[in-house]
Each structure stands twice: as C-alpha cells, then as structure tokens.
Protein backbone atom coordinates (compact mmCIF):
# COMPACT_ATOMS: atom_id res chain seq x y z
CA UNK A 1 -34.74 93.85 -31.17
CA UNK A 2 -33.64 90.34 -32.18
CA UNK A 3 -37.11 89.59 -33.56
CA UNK A 4 -36.97 92.75 -35.70
CA UNK A 5 -33.61 91.80 -37.16
CA UNK A 6 -34.86 88.30 -37.89
CA UNK A 7 -37.87 89.67 -39.79
CA UNK A 8 -35.63 91.95 -41.82
CA UNK A 9 -33.36 89.06 -42.88
CA UNK A 10 -36.17 86.55 -43.50
CA UNK A 11 -37.83 87.26 -46.88
CA UNK A 12 -40.88 85.17 -45.95
CA UNK A 13 -41.62 87.47 -43.04
CA UNK A 14 -41.80 90.54 -45.22
CA UNK A 15 -45.20 91.95 -46.13
CA UNK A 16 -46.52 90.67 -49.41
CA UNK A 17 -48.77 92.31 -51.95
CA UNK A 18 -52.19 90.72 -51.73
CA UNK A 19 -53.33 89.28 -55.03
CA UNK A 20 -57.02 88.88 -55.91
CA UNK A 21 -58.08 86.35 -58.50
CA UNK A 22 -59.72 87.74 -61.61
CA UNK A 23 -62.52 85.18 -61.15
CA UNK A 24 -63.56 86.91 -57.93
CA UNK A 25 -63.78 90.28 -59.66
CA UNK A 26 -66.02 89.24 -62.59
CA UNK A 27 -69.28 88.73 -60.57
CA UNK A 28 -68.73 92.02 -58.70
CA UNK A 29 -68.08 93.81 -61.98
CA UNK A 30 -71.40 92.48 -63.32
CA UNK A 31 -73.13 93.70 -60.17
CA UNK A 32 -71.67 97.18 -60.62
CA UNK A 33 -72.70 97.19 -64.29
CA UNK A 34 -76.24 96.34 -63.17
CA UNK A 35 -76.12 99.20 -60.68
CA UNK A 36 -74.94 101.56 -63.42
CA UNK A 37 -77.79 100.40 -65.65
CA UNK A 38 -80.34 101.00 -62.89
CA UNK A 39 -79.04 104.51 -62.25
CA UNK A 40 -79.04 105.20 -65.99
CA UNK A 41 -82.75 104.41 -65.97
CA UNK A 42 -83.25 107.46 -63.74
CA UNK A 43 -81.44 109.66 -66.23
CA UNK A 44 -83.70 108.44 -69.05
CA UNK A 45 -86.75 109.06 -66.85
CA UNK A 46 -85.64 112.62 -66.15
CA UNK A 47 -85.49 113.15 -69.92
CA UNK A 48 -88.93 111.46 -70.25
CA UNK A 49 -87.47 108.67 -72.37
CA UNK A 50 -89.68 106.11 -70.70
CA UNK A 51 -88.99 103.17 -73.03
CA UNK A 52 -85.23 103.50 -72.59
CA UNK A 53 -85.77 103.81 -68.85
CA UNK A 54 -87.71 100.54 -68.71
CA UNK A 55 -85.12 98.83 -70.91
CA UNK A 56 -82.35 99.92 -68.54
CA UNK A 57 -84.19 98.27 -65.65
CA UNK A 58 -84.54 95.03 -67.61
CA UNK A 59 -80.81 95.12 -68.42
CA UNK A 60 -80.16 95.47 -64.68
CA UNK A 61 -82.37 92.40 -64.10
CA UNK A 62 -80.35 90.36 -66.60
CA UNK A 63 -77.05 91.42 -65.03
CA UNK A 64 -78.43 90.66 -61.56
CA UNK A 65 -79.17 87.11 -62.73
CA UNK A 66 -75.79 86.72 -64.37
CA UNK A 67 -73.67 87.87 -61.42
CA UNK A 68 -74.96 85.16 -59.10
CA UNK A 69 -74.72 82.46 -61.76
CA UNK A 70 -71.21 83.57 -62.66
CA UNK A 71 -70.11 83.55 -59.02
CA UNK A 72 -71.31 79.96 -58.59
CA UNK A 73 -69.81 78.88 -61.92
CA UNK A 74 -66.40 80.38 -61.11
CA UNK A 75 -66.58 79.30 -57.45
CA UNK A 76 -66.01 82.92 -56.45
CA UNK A 77 -68.98 83.61 -54.18
CA UNK A 78 -68.08 85.79 -51.20
CA UNK A 79 -69.70 87.70 -48.36
CA UNK A 80 -68.53 90.94 -49.95
CA UNK A 81 -70.23 90.02 -53.24
CA UNK A 82 -73.46 89.11 -51.46
CA UNK A 83 -73.56 92.44 -49.61
CA UNK A 84 -72.76 94.37 -52.79
CA UNK A 85 -75.51 92.51 -54.65
CA UNK A 86 -78.08 93.36 -51.96
CA UNK A 87 -77.17 97.05 -51.98
CA UNK A 88 -77.37 97.11 -55.78
CA UNK A 89 -80.77 95.39 -55.69
CA UNK A 90 -82.18 97.96 -53.26
CA UNK A 91 -81.16 100.76 -55.61
CA UNK A 92 -82.04 99.13 -58.97
CA UNK A 93 -85.27 97.40 -57.98
CA UNK A 94 -86.46 99.49 -55.05
CA UNK A 95 -85.40 103.14 -55.27
CA UNK A 96 -85.09 103.50 -59.06
CA UNK A 97 -88.53 102.01 -60.00
CA UNK A 98 -90.15 104.20 -57.34
CA UNK A 99 -88.54 107.30 -58.84
CA UNK A 100 -89.50 106.29 -62.38
CA UNK A 101 -93.11 105.68 -61.39
CA UNK A 102 -93.29 109.02 -59.58
CA UNK A 103 -91.82 110.92 -62.53
CA UNK A 104 -94.04 109.08 -65.02
CA UNK A 105 -97.46 109.23 -63.39
CA UNK A 106 -97.62 110.62 -59.88
CA UNK A 107 -96.08 114.08 -59.84
CA UNK A 108 -99.60 115.53 -60.05
CA UNK A 109 -100.76 113.34 -57.15
CA UNK A 110 -98.78 115.41 -54.66
CA UNK A 111 -97.73 113.97 -51.34
CA UNK A 112 -99.90 110.84 -51.68
CA UNK A 113 -98.18 109.79 -54.88
CA UNK A 114 -94.80 110.31 -53.26
CA UNK A 115 -95.86 108.31 -50.19
CA UNK A 116 -96.91 105.40 -52.43
CA UNK A 117 -93.47 105.39 -54.06
CA UNK A 118 -91.72 105.58 -50.68
CA UNK A 119 -93.76 102.63 -49.40
CA UNK A 120 -92.75 100.54 -52.41
CA UNK A 121 -89.04 101.30 -51.88
CA UNK A 122 -89.33 100.49 -48.17
CA UNK A 123 -91.04 97.19 -48.94
CA UNK A 124 -88.22 96.28 -51.31
CA UNK A 125 -85.62 96.98 -48.61
CA UNK A 126 -87.55 94.89 -46.07
CA UNK A 127 -87.90 92.06 -48.58
CA UNK A 128 -84.15 91.94 -49.27
CA UNK A 129 -83.30 92.07 -45.56
CA UNK A 130 -85.66 89.15 -44.88
CA UNK A 131 -84.17 87.20 -47.78
CA UNK A 132 -80.64 87.64 -46.46
CA UNK A 133 -81.67 86.45 -43.01
CA UNK A 134 -83.51 83.44 -44.44
CA UNK A 135 -80.33 82.29 -46.19
CA UNK A 136 -78.81 81.60 -42.78
CA UNK A 137 -81.64 79.24 -41.72
CA UNK A 138 -80.15 75.71 -41.41
CA UNK A 139 -83.53 74.04 -40.90
CA UNK A 140 -85.05 74.70 -44.31
CA UNK A 141 -86.24 71.56 -46.10
CA UNK A 142 -84.57 70.73 -49.40
CA UNK A 143 -87.68 71.54 -51.43
CA UNK A 144 -87.80 75.09 -50.02
CA UNK A 145 -85.24 76.18 -52.63
CA UNK A 146 -87.95 75.79 -55.26
CA UNK A 147 -89.74 78.86 -53.90
CA UNK A 148 -89.22 82.45 -52.86
CA UNK A 149 -91.11 83.93 -49.94
CA UNK A 150 -92.94 86.77 -51.61
CA UNK A 151 -92.04 88.27 -54.96
CA UNK A 152 -88.28 88.67 -55.53
CA UNK A 153 -87.00 92.21 -55.96
CA UNK A 154 -86.27 92.08 -59.74
CA UNK A 155 -89.70 90.63 -60.50
CA UNK A 156 -91.27 93.19 -58.17
CA UNK A 157 -89.62 96.00 -60.13
CA UNK A 158 -90.96 94.62 -63.41
CA UNK A 159 -94.47 94.29 -61.97
CA UNK A 160 -94.34 97.80 -60.51
CA UNK A 161 -93.46 99.15 -63.98
CA UNK A 162 -96.16 97.07 -65.70
CA UNK A 163 -98.63 100.00 -66.08
CA UNK A 164 -95.94 102.03 -67.83
CA UNK A 165 -95.05 99.06 -70.07
CA UNK A 166 -98.73 98.59 -70.98
CA UNK A 167 -98.91 102.28 -71.89
CA UNK A 168 -96.27 101.74 -74.58
CA UNK A 169 -98.69 99.52 -76.52
CA UNK A 170 -102.14 100.58 -75.30
CA UNK A 171 -101.80 104.31 -74.66
CA UNK A 172 -101.96 106.42 -71.50
CA UNK A 173 -105.73 106.84 -71.20
CA UNK A 174 -106.21 104.70 -68.10
CA UNK A 175 -102.92 103.18 -67.00
CA UNK A 176 -101.32 106.58 -66.33
CA UNK A 177 -104.04 107.57 -63.89
CA UNK A 178 -102.26 108.63 -60.67
CA UNK A 179 -104.75 106.92 -58.35
CA UNK A 180 -104.66 103.64 -60.27
CA UNK A 181 -100.85 103.68 -60.44
CA UNK A 182 -100.58 104.48 -56.72
CA UNK A 183 -102.84 101.58 -55.79
CA UNK A 184 -100.92 99.24 -58.11
CA UNK A 185 -97.55 100.37 -56.71
CA UNK A 186 -98.64 99.78 -53.11
CA UNK A 187 -100.05 96.37 -54.08
CA UNK A 188 -96.73 95.35 -55.66
CA UNK A 189 -94.90 96.52 -52.55
CA UNK A 190 -97.21 94.34 -50.48
CA UNK A 191 -96.36 91.34 -52.68
CA UNK A 192 -92.66 91.96 -52.04
CA UNK A 193 -93.05 91.58 -48.27
CA UNK A 194 -95.84 89.00 -48.38
CA UNK A 195 -95.38 85.37 -47.40
CA UNK A 196 -96.91 84.12 -50.64
CA UNK A 197 -94.63 81.38 -52.03
CA UNK A 198 -93.57 82.11 -55.61
CA UNK A 199 -91.69 79.85 -57.97
CA UNK A 200 -87.90 80.11 -58.01
CA UNK A 201 -86.73 79.02 -61.43
CA UNK A 202 -83.07 78.89 -60.35
CA UNK A 203 -83.37 75.25 -59.30
CA UNK A 204 -85.70 74.14 -62.09
CA UNK A 205 -84.71 70.94 -63.86
CA UNK A 206 -85.89 70.14 -67.36
CA UNK A 207 -86.46 66.50 -68.38
CA UNK A 208 -84.31 65.45 -71.31
CA UNK A 209 -87.40 64.80 -73.44
CA UNK A 210 -88.43 68.44 -72.99
CA UNK A 211 -85.10 69.94 -74.03
CA UNK A 212 -85.97 70.40 -77.72
CA UNK A 213 -89.41 71.99 -77.08
CA UNK A 214 -87.87 74.25 -74.42
CA UNK A 215 -85.15 75.42 -76.79
CA UNK A 216 -87.77 76.14 -79.45
CA UNK A 217 -89.87 78.03 -76.89
CA UNK A 218 -86.91 80.11 -75.70
CA UNK A 219 -86.01 80.92 -79.31
CA UNK A 220 -89.61 82.01 -79.93
CA UNK A 221 -89.59 84.26 -76.85
CA UNK A 222 -86.36 85.90 -77.99
CA UNK A 223 -87.86 86.45 -81.45
CA UNK A 224 -90.93 88.09 -79.90
CA UNK A 225 -88.73 90.23 -77.64
CA UNK A 226 -86.89 91.53 -80.68
CA UNK A 227 -90.01 92.15 -82.79
CA UNK A 228 -92.59 93.21 -80.17
CA UNK A 229 -90.72 93.72 -76.88
CA UNK A 230 -93.40 95.52 -74.88
CA UNK A 231 -96.20 93.08 -75.69
CA UNK A 232 -93.82 90.24 -74.81
CA UNK A 233 -92.82 91.82 -71.49
CA UNK A 234 -96.49 92.39 -70.70
CA UNK A 235 -97.36 88.75 -71.37
CA UNK A 236 -94.39 87.46 -69.36
CA UNK A 237 -95.24 89.63 -66.34
CA UNK A 238 -98.93 88.72 -66.56
CA UNK A 239 -98.00 85.01 -66.74
CA UNK A 240 -95.87 85.46 -63.63
CA UNK A 241 -98.83 86.92 -61.74
CA UNK A 242 -101.05 84.06 -62.93
CA UNK A 243 -98.48 81.52 -61.73
CA UNK A 244 -98.77 82.62 -58.08
CA UNK A 245 -101.88 80.55 -57.21
CA UNK A 246 -100.15 77.50 -58.70
CA UNK A 247 -96.95 78.12 -56.72
CA UNK A 248 -99.03 78.52 -53.55
CA UNK A 249 -100.81 75.23 -54.21
CA UNK A 250 -97.52 73.44 -54.98
CA UNK A 251 -95.92 74.84 -51.81
CA UNK A 252 -98.83 73.69 -49.66
CA UNK A 253 -98.64 70.20 -51.16
CA UNK A 254 -94.92 69.85 -50.46
CA UNK A 255 -95.32 71.35 -47.01
CA UNK A 256 -98.02 68.84 -46.08
CA UNK A 257 -95.67 65.96 -46.96
CA UNK A 258 -92.60 67.44 -45.29
CA UNK A 259 -91.31 65.62 -42.19
CA UNK A 260 -90.07 68.97 -40.83
CA UNK A 261 -93.59 70.37 -40.84
CA UNK A 262 -94.96 67.17 -39.32
CA UNK A 263 -92.45 67.46 -36.47
CA UNK A 264 -93.39 71.09 -36.03
CA UNK A 265 -97.04 70.09 -35.82
CA UNK A 266 -96.18 67.58 -33.08
CA UNK A 267 -94.36 70.31 -31.16
CA UNK A 268 -97.40 72.54 -31.56
CA UNK A 269 -99.62 69.82 -30.11
CA UNK A 270 -97.29 69.41 -27.13
CA UNK A 271 -97.23 73.13 -26.51
CA UNK A 272 -100.98 73.36 -26.73
CA UNK A 273 -101.41 70.50 -24.30
CA UNK A 274 -99.23 72.34 -21.79
CA UNK A 275 -101.23 75.50 -22.23
CA UNK A 276 -98.29 77.48 -23.64
CA UNK A 277 -99.73 78.09 -27.07
CA UNK A 278 -96.27 78.87 -28.54
CA UNK A 279 -96.13 79.02 -32.30
CA UNK A 280 -93.33 76.97 -33.85
CA UNK A 281 -90.92 78.94 -36.03
CA UNK A 282 -91.60 76.52 -38.88
CA UNK A 283 -95.23 77.53 -38.83
CA UNK A 284 -94.81 81.26 -38.16
C-alpha cells in the first residue's frame, strides 16, 4: 500500500507516453511504399497494363534500395525494420512477379504454368530466409560483403520479368511462349537459391580518378532510361547475367587467398586423417 502511494506522489514513477523518433519511421515508410508499389503492379497486371506493371516493380526495387540506405544514413536500423523489409521483399519480388508472369504468359499452360510460378515464389522465400540467417554469421571474412550468395531478390524479380520486358520492344512472337517462359522462370528461381557468388554493389568504392567518367556514365544511363526505358532495362539485366562468371572468378580468387579458408582446409585435412570426413562449414 505504501509503495502504491509513493508511485502516485512521484511524477517520475508515472507511466510516460513512448515517443518514437521520426528518423526511425522514414525507412519503414519507404518499405511500405515499396510494398504498395509491388501490390499496385498486380492491379496493373489484372488490367493487362503490362508496362505499368513492370514499372511498378522497378519502383519497388528503387524504394527497397533506398530504405536500407536511409536507415544506415539516419542510424535508425532496427530488428523491426529488417523483418518488415524481408516480408515486403517476399511479396514484391517473389509473389507479385510470379502472379504477373502467370497472368501475362502462362494462363494457357494450365497447372504446369502455375507450378512454375509457385516454384519461383518459393525459391524467393528460401533465398531471403537464407540471407537473414547469413547476416548472423560472425565468421565471414571482410571481403565476403562484396558478394551475394545467389541472385538477390530484387534482381531476381527483374530477371524473371525479362521476357515480358523484351516483348515490349521485340514483340510477343517467341518470348510469350508458355513453355519458354516457364523454363526461364524456373531457371531464375534456381539462381535465387543457388550458391553462385554475385557482385554486391553496396560496398563498391570508386577511385577518385574515375568519379567524372562514372558521373557521365550514370547521366547517360538516366538519359537512356527516359528515352528508351525498355531497351535500357534489357541491356542492364543482360549485363548483370553476363557479370556472373566474372563475380564467380573474383570470389574464387579472394577465397583462395583468405586465411579463413586456409584454416578451414587445415581442419579438413585433420578430419580426413582421423577418418571422420566432416565437411567444414566454411566449405559447405
């Protein structure tokens, strides 16, 4: 009873209204805007406005990039924001592209076309779950941040929609074939869950001498996006596919010079000599 009276007379013991900084809300608001853009892509697809549907997905990609950058810039990263971002990515870059592809090309393919779309969405969910788990690995070498394991979800969505994007400039004669689209969709899903190292441009550093040419190049890309967006998107996505052998080669080179991998190799040799044959996690 005395404790209750003390709490009533002490203003510091009273419950306070929790205040959330505006900085912490901005990244989450961008994530929700990206989610809204992804869902809007479905509405455009239902109305067979395919170009607007693809544009809505690309807007979601831009917002997905901005929310993480903004969180780091404002020092407002949180577990809640990370979970919200993952859920938004599953919808925008897993479920929504699968629905768009089905509505665009595979309704006449029956159950097999639907299965291909389901497999792509499942692969996207598995890829994001693996990515979240990998973030908690304390033993990653410093150079590992230069790469993703497999194709990231936003890039996977763009690649999955590549046949539809090509159709905007080259017609529907071949790229809208249900069998070809189904095979392509499954292949892109496989890239999402693959262990192929792909470049992560988040940690890229540009030498000072290259700043002017890079700015000119970025300006040129923006000009092409405004004048011929679909050709530009096609070239960018094709260039990303072409970059994969180079990222694999670069990853192997760094891995061969990494002391972590060398230690893992020594552990492998010890295990083999004892007859255990256990595979080191660094090599798995």
